[in-house]
Every structure is written in structure tokens, then in C-alpha cells.
Amino acid sequence: MKHRNSLETTTAAPVSFANGTIEYSFDVPSKVFGNNLKFVNESYCIYAGDVNGDGLINAADINNLYSAASIFSTGYITEDVNGDGIVDAMDLILTDNNAANFIMVQKP
């Protein structure tokens, strides 16, 4: 699974595509390859902040955020990490925290 500025997240176990409809919950780390989820407000979430989509949350993503924040970017854009429609310090803080923890894609 991948969304806008989040890290690609893979299931821990194989999932069949034979039925046409896939239902899978990424609700606990054991269901995700590498336990690659973050605990936030009493639930598990995929990591946000991979602004450039390279599979690693790092200084390159932070640089993109600084550029977008400096021109007061708004809207449904990849630099809006927290999804509030505005690129600002909150997006930078979230991304910087994930970068400091060396968060990256975990694949089988």
C-alpha cells in the first residue's frame, strides 16, 4: 500500500488477489512486514513524510518541505504531510522526527 507521502507498506503474510476484493487491516505491527507502523493516538498508522517517494524519510524530504513552506503552499499536495491542507512547521516536525529515527520502507 502506498499513499501520497507515506512509506510504502507491505503485508506480513501473502494476500490473495483471486476474489477481486481485498480486505486487509494494517491495525497491528505484526500484520505489516518489518512491523513498520507508528503508534499514534491509540492506533497504529503508516509512516508519513516520504515526500519525494524514494522509500526513505530523510533530509531530502525535509528540503522539499522547506521549499514548499517558504512559499506558503496549500492544497492536496505531497508536501502536506499531516493532511491539513497547509505546508508548515507541523509537517516539518513530523517529517524531521521520522527522519531522526531512520524510518524507511521494509520489504520482503
N, C-alpha and C. Protein backbone atom coordinates (compact mmCIF):
# COMPACT_ATOMS: atom_id res chain seq x y z
N MET A 1 0.85 -1.15 0.00
CA MET A 1 0.00 0.00 0.00
C MET A 1 0.91 1.23 0.00
N LYS A 2 0.53 2.21 -0.77
CA LYS A 2 1.25 3.47 -0.79
C LYS A 2 0.26 4.59 -0.99
N HIS A 3 0.49 5.68 -0.29
CA HIS A 3 -0.37 6.85 -0.41
C HIS A 3 0.48 8.11 -0.42
N ARG A 4 0.20 8.98 -1.27
CA ARG A 4 0.77 10.31 -1.44
C ARG A 4 2.17 10.52 -0.86
N ASN A 5 2.32 10.69 0.43
CA ASN A 5 3.63 10.97 1.03
C ASN A 5 3.96 9.99 2.15
N SER A 6 3.32 8.85 2.13
CA SER A 6 3.58 7.84 3.15
C SER A 6 4.57 6.82 2.62
N LEU A 7 5.15 6.07 3.55
CA LEU A 7 6.04 4.99 3.14
C LEU A 7 5.23 3.83 2.60
N GLU A 8 5.72 3.24 1.56
CA GLU A 8 5.10 2.01 1.06
C GLU A 8 5.09 0.99 2.19
N THR A 9 3.96 0.35 2.40
CA THR A 9 3.79 -0.60 3.50
C THR A 9 3.28 -1.91 2.93
N THR A 10 3.93 -3.00 3.33
CA THR A 10 3.65 -4.32 2.79
C THR A 10 3.10 -5.23 3.88
N THR A 11 2.18 -6.09 3.50
CA THR A 11 1.62 -7.05 4.46
C THR A 11 2.69 -8.03 4.92
N ALA A 12 2.52 -8.55 6.13
CA ALA A 12 3.46 -9.53 6.66
C ALA A 12 3.25 -10.90 6.04
N ALA A 13 2.02 -11.21 5.67
CA ALA A 13 1.68 -12.50 5.07
C ALA A 13 1.13 -12.28 3.66
N PRO A 14 1.25 -13.29 2.80
CA PRO A 14 0.68 -13.16 1.45
C PRO A 14 -0.82 -12.89 1.48
N VAL A 15 -1.29 -12.12 0.50
CA VAL A 15 -2.71 -11.81 0.37
C VAL A 15 -3.16 -12.24 -1.02
N SER A 16 -4.26 -12.96 -1.09
CA SER A 16 -4.77 -13.45 -2.37
C SER A 16 -5.52 -12.34 -3.11
N PHE A 17 -5.27 -12.26 -4.41
CA PHE A 17 -5.97 -11.33 -5.27
C PHE A 17 -7.03 -12.05 -6.11
N ALA A 18 -7.28 -13.32 -5.82
CA ALA A 18 -8.16 -14.16 -6.64
C ALA A 18 -9.62 -13.75 -6.58
N ASN A 19 -10.09 -13.20 -5.49
CA ASN A 19 -11.51 -12.90 -5.31
C ASN A 19 -11.95 -11.55 -5.86
N GLY A 20 -11.03 -10.70 -6.29
CA GLY A 20 -11.40 -9.40 -6.83
C GLY A 20 -11.53 -8.31 -5.78
N THR A 21 -11.90 -8.68 -4.57
CA THR A 21 -12.00 -7.72 -3.47
C THR A 21 -10.99 -8.12 -2.41
N ILE A 22 -10.20 -7.17 -1.99
CA ILE A 22 -9.18 -7.44 -0.97
C ILE A 22 -9.52 -6.63 0.26
N GLU A 23 -9.61 -7.32 1.37
CA GLU A 23 -9.81 -6.65 2.66
C GLU A 23 -8.66 -7.05 3.56
N TYR A 24 -7.95 -6.05 4.05
CA TYR A 24 -6.82 -6.30 4.93
C TYR A 24 -6.67 -5.11 5.85
N SER A 25 -6.45 -5.37 7.11
CA SER A 25 -6.30 -4.30 8.08
C SER A 25 -4.85 -4.21 8.55
N PHE A 26 -4.30 -3.03 8.42
CA PHE A 26 -2.95 -2.77 8.94
C PHE A 26 -3.08 -2.22 10.36
N ASP A 27 -3.79 -2.94 11.22
CA ASP A 27 -4.13 -2.42 12.54
C ASP A 27 -3.16 -2.77 13.65
N VAL A 28 -2.25 -3.71 13.42
CA VAL A 28 -1.22 -4.05 14.41
C VAL A 28 0.09 -4.32 13.68
N PRO A 29 1.22 -4.03 14.30
CA PRO A 29 2.51 -4.20 13.64
C PRO A 29 2.76 -5.61 13.10
N SER A 30 2.25 -6.62 13.77
CA SER A 30 2.51 -7.99 13.31
C SER A 30 1.89 -8.29 11.94
N LYS A 31 0.95 -7.48 11.48
CA LYS A 31 0.34 -7.68 10.17
C LYS A 31 1.10 -6.96 9.06
N VAL A 32 2.16 -6.25 9.42
CA VAL A 32 2.93 -5.46 8.47
C VAL A 32 4.36 -5.99 8.43
N PHE A 33 4.90 -6.16 7.22
CA PHE A 33 6.26 -6.64 7.10
C PHE A 33 7.21 -5.70 7.83
N GLY A 34 8.05 -6.26 8.69
CA GLY A 34 9.00 -5.48 9.46
C GLY A 34 8.38 -4.69 10.60
N ASN A 35 7.11 -4.95 10.92
CA ASN A 35 6.39 -4.22 11.98
C ASN A 35 6.46 -2.71 11.76
N ASN A 36 6.46 -2.28 10.51
CA ASN A 36 6.73 -0.89 10.13
C ASN A 36 5.49 0.01 10.25
N LEU A 37 4.99 0.15 11.48
CA LEU A 37 3.88 1.05 11.78
C LEU A 37 4.26 1.95 12.94
N LYS A 38 3.58 3.06 13.06
CA LYS A 38 3.81 4.01 14.15
C LYS A 38 2.56 4.08 15.02
N PHE A 39 2.74 4.05 16.33
CA PHE A 39 1.62 4.15 17.26
C PHE A 39 1.32 5.62 17.53
N VAL A 40 0.10 6.05 17.17
CA VAL A 40 -0.31 7.45 17.31
C VAL A 40 -1.74 7.48 17.84
N ASN A 41 -1.96 8.20 18.92
CA ASN A 41 -3.32 8.40 19.45
C ASN A 41 -4.12 7.10 19.55
N GLU A 42 -3.53 6.10 20.18
CA GLU A 42 -4.19 4.83 20.46
C GLU A 42 -4.46 3.95 19.26
N SER A 43 -3.79 4.19 18.13
CA SER A 43 -3.92 3.30 16.97
C SER A 43 -2.61 3.30 16.18
N TYR A 44 -2.46 2.30 15.35
CA TYR A 44 -1.27 2.19 14.52
C TYR A 44 -1.51 2.84 13.16
N CYS A 45 -0.49 3.51 12.64
CA CYS A 45 -0.58 4.25 11.39
C CYS A 45 0.64 3.95 10.53
N ILE A 46 0.48 4.12 9.21
CA ILE A 46 1.65 4.04 8.34
C ILE A 46 2.44 5.34 8.50
N TYR A 47 3.72 5.29 8.22
CA TYR A 47 4.58 6.46 8.38
C TYR A 47 4.37 7.46 7.25
N ALA A 48 4.31 8.73 7.60
CA ALA A 48 4.20 9.81 6.63
C ALA A 48 5.52 10.57 6.59
N GLY A 49 5.77 11.26 5.47
CA GLY A 49 6.94 12.10 5.36
C GLY A 49 7.86 11.75 4.21
N ASP A 50 7.55 10.70 3.46
CA ASP A 50 8.36 10.35 2.29
C ASP A 50 7.88 11.19 1.11
N VAL A 51 8.18 12.47 1.17
CA VAL A 51 7.68 13.46 0.23
C VAL A 51 8.14 13.17 -1.20
N ASN A 52 9.39 12.75 -1.36
CA ASN A 52 9.91 12.50 -2.71
C ASN A 52 9.71 11.06 -3.18
N GLY A 53 9.13 10.20 -2.35
CA GLY A 53 8.76 8.85 -2.74
C GLY A 53 9.91 7.89 -2.96
N ASP A 54 11.06 8.13 -2.33
CA ASP A 54 12.21 7.25 -2.54
C ASP A 54 12.32 6.10 -1.53
N GLY A 55 11.34 5.98 -0.62
CA GLY A 55 11.35 4.89 0.34
C GLY A 55 12.11 5.17 1.62
N LEU A 56 12.56 6.38 1.79
CA LEU A 56 13.34 6.77 2.97
C LEU A 56 12.91 8.17 3.40
N ILE A 57 12.66 8.34 4.67
CA ILE A 57 12.33 9.67 5.19
C ILE A 57 13.63 10.28 5.69
N ASN A 58 14.09 11.33 4.99
CA ASN A 58 15.39 11.90 5.31
C ASN A 58 15.46 13.39 4.96
N ALA A 59 16.69 13.92 4.92
CA ALA A 59 16.89 15.34 4.68
C ALA A 59 16.35 15.80 3.32
N ALA A 60 16.36 14.93 2.34
CA ALA A 60 15.82 15.32 1.02
C ALA A 60 14.34 15.67 1.13
N ASP A 61 13.60 14.90 1.92
CA ASP A 61 12.17 15.20 2.14
C ASP A 61 12.01 16.51 2.90
N ILE A 62 12.84 16.72 3.89
CA ILE A 62 12.78 17.95 4.68
C ILE A 62 13.08 19.16 3.80
N ASN A 63 14.05 19.05 2.92
CA ASN A 63 14.36 20.16 2.00
C ASN A 63 13.16 20.49 1.11
N ASN A 64 12.48 19.46 0.61
CA ASN A 64 11.27 19.71 -0.19
C ASN A 64 10.20 20.44 0.63
N LEU A 65 10.08 20.06 1.88
CA LEU A 65 9.09 20.70 2.77
C LEU A 65 9.45 22.16 3.02
N TYR A 66 10.73 22.43 3.28
CA TYR A 66 11.15 23.82 3.50
C TYR A 66 10.81 24.68 2.28
N SER A 67 11.07 24.16 1.10
CA SER A 67 10.78 24.91 -0.12
C SER A 67 9.29 25.20 -0.24
N ALA A 68 8.46 24.19 0.01
CA ALA A 68 7.01 24.37 -0.09
C ALA A 68 6.49 25.31 1.00
N ALA A 69 7.02 25.19 2.21
CA ALA A 69 6.57 26.04 3.31
C ALA A 69 6.97 27.50 3.08
N SER A 70 8.13 27.71 2.46
CA SER A 70 8.61 29.08 2.27
C SER A 70 7.75 29.88 1.29
N ILE A 71 6.98 29.19 0.45
CA ILE A 71 6.09 29.91 -0.46
C ILE A 71 4.62 29.71 -0.07
N PHE A 72 4.41 29.27 1.18
CA PHE A 72 3.06 29.13 1.74
C PHE A 72 2.17 28.21 0.90
N SER A 73 2.70 27.04 0.53
CA SER A 73 1.96 26.09 -0.30
C SER A 73 0.74 25.54 0.43
N THR A 74 -0.34 25.39 -0.31
CA THR A 74 -1.57 24.84 0.25
C THR A 74 -2.17 23.85 -0.74
N GLY A 75 -3.10 23.05 -0.24
CA GLY A 75 -3.83 22.13 -1.10
C GLY A 75 -3.47 20.68 -0.85
N TYR A 76 -3.98 19.83 -1.70
CA TYR A 76 -3.75 18.39 -1.61
C TYR A 76 -2.45 18.08 -2.34
N ILE A 77 -1.33 18.31 -1.67
CA ILE A 77 -0.01 18.15 -2.27
C ILE A 77 0.85 17.23 -1.39
N THR A 78 1.88 16.64 -1.99
CA THR A 78 2.70 15.68 -1.24
C THR A 78 3.42 16.30 -0.05
N GLU A 79 3.73 17.57 -0.12
CA GLU A 79 4.43 18.22 0.99
C GLU A 79 3.55 18.44 2.21
N ASP A 80 2.27 18.33 2.06
CA ASP A 80 1.35 18.47 3.20
C ASP A 80 1.29 17.12 3.93
N VAL A 81 2.27 16.87 4.75
CA VAL A 81 2.47 15.57 5.39
C VAL A 81 1.35 15.23 6.36
N ASN A 82 0.86 16.19 7.12
CA ASN A 82 -0.18 15.89 8.12
C ASN A 82 -1.60 16.03 7.58
N GLY A 83 -1.74 16.40 6.32
CA GLY A 83 -3.05 16.40 5.67
C GLY A 83 -3.99 17.52 6.05
N ASP A 84 -3.48 18.63 6.58
CA ASP A 84 -4.37 19.74 6.96
C ASP A 84 -4.53 20.79 5.86
N GLY A 85 -3.91 20.57 4.70
CA GLY A 85 -4.07 21.50 3.59
C GLY A 85 -3.06 22.62 3.53
N ILE A 86 -2.14 22.68 4.51
CA ILE A 86 -1.14 23.76 4.57
C ILE A 86 0.22 23.13 4.85
N VAL A 87 1.24 23.55 4.12
CA VAL A 87 2.61 23.10 4.40
C VAL A 87 3.22 24.10 5.37
N ASP A 88 3.51 23.61 6.59
CA ASP A 88 4.01 24.49 7.64
C ASP A 88 4.92 23.72 8.60
N ALA A 89 5.22 24.33 9.72
CA ALA A 89 6.12 23.73 10.71
C ALA A 89 5.64 22.37 11.21
N MET A 90 4.34 22.16 11.27
CA MET A 90 3.83 20.87 11.74
C MET A 90 4.25 19.73 10.81
N ASP A 91 4.26 19.98 9.52
CA ASP A 91 4.71 18.99 8.55
C ASP A 91 6.21 18.74 8.70
N LEU A 92 6.96 19.81 8.92
CA LEU A 92 8.40 19.71 9.11
C LEU A 92 8.74 18.92 10.37
N ILE A 93 8.04 19.18 11.44
CA ILE A 93 8.30 18.47 12.70
C ILE A 93 8.04 16.98 12.55
N LEU A 94 6.90 16.64 11.96
CA LEU A 94 6.55 15.24 11.76
C LEU A 94 7.60 14.52 10.92
N THR A 95 7.99 15.14 9.82
CA THR A 95 8.96 14.53 8.93
C THR A 95 10.34 14.46 9.57
N ASP A 96 10.74 15.51 10.26
CA ASP A 96 12.03 15.53 10.93
C ASP A 96 12.12 14.43 12.00
N ASN A 97 11.05 14.23 12.76
CA ASN A 97 11.05 13.17 13.77
C ASN A 97 11.22 11.79 13.12
N ASN A 98 10.53 11.56 12.02
CA ASN A 98 10.67 10.27 11.34
C ASN A 98 12.06 10.12 10.72
N ALA A 99 12.61 11.20 10.19
CA ALA A 99 13.96 11.16 9.63
C ALA A 99 14.99 10.87 10.71
N ALA A 100 14.82 11.47 11.89
CA ALA A 100 15.75 11.25 13.00
C ALA A 100 15.74 9.79 13.47
N ASN A 101 14.65 9.09 13.23
CA ASN A 101 14.53 7.68 13.62
C ASN A 101 14.86 6.74 12.47
N PHE A 102 15.41 7.28 11.37
CA PHE A 102 15.84 6.48 10.21
C PHE A 102 14.74 5.58 9.68
N ILE A 103 13.53 6.15 9.52
CA ILE A 103 12.38 5.38 9.05
C ILE A 103 12.50 5.17 7.55
N MET A 104 12.35 3.91 7.12
CA MET A 104 12.43 3.59 5.70
C MET A 104 11.52 2.40 5.39
N VAL A 105 11.30 2.19 4.10
CA VAL A 105 10.47 1.08 3.63
C VAL A 105 11.09 -0.23 4.08
N GLN A 106 10.22 -1.16 4.50
CA GLN A 106 10.63 -2.53 4.83
C GLN A 106 9.94 -3.44 3.82
N LYS A 107 10.73 -4.19 3.06
CA LYS A 107 10.17 -5.09 2.05
C LYS A 107 10.71 -6.50 2.24
N PRO A 108 9.88 -7.49 1.88
CA PRO A 108 10.37 -8.87 1.98
C PRO A 108 11.49 -9.14 0.98
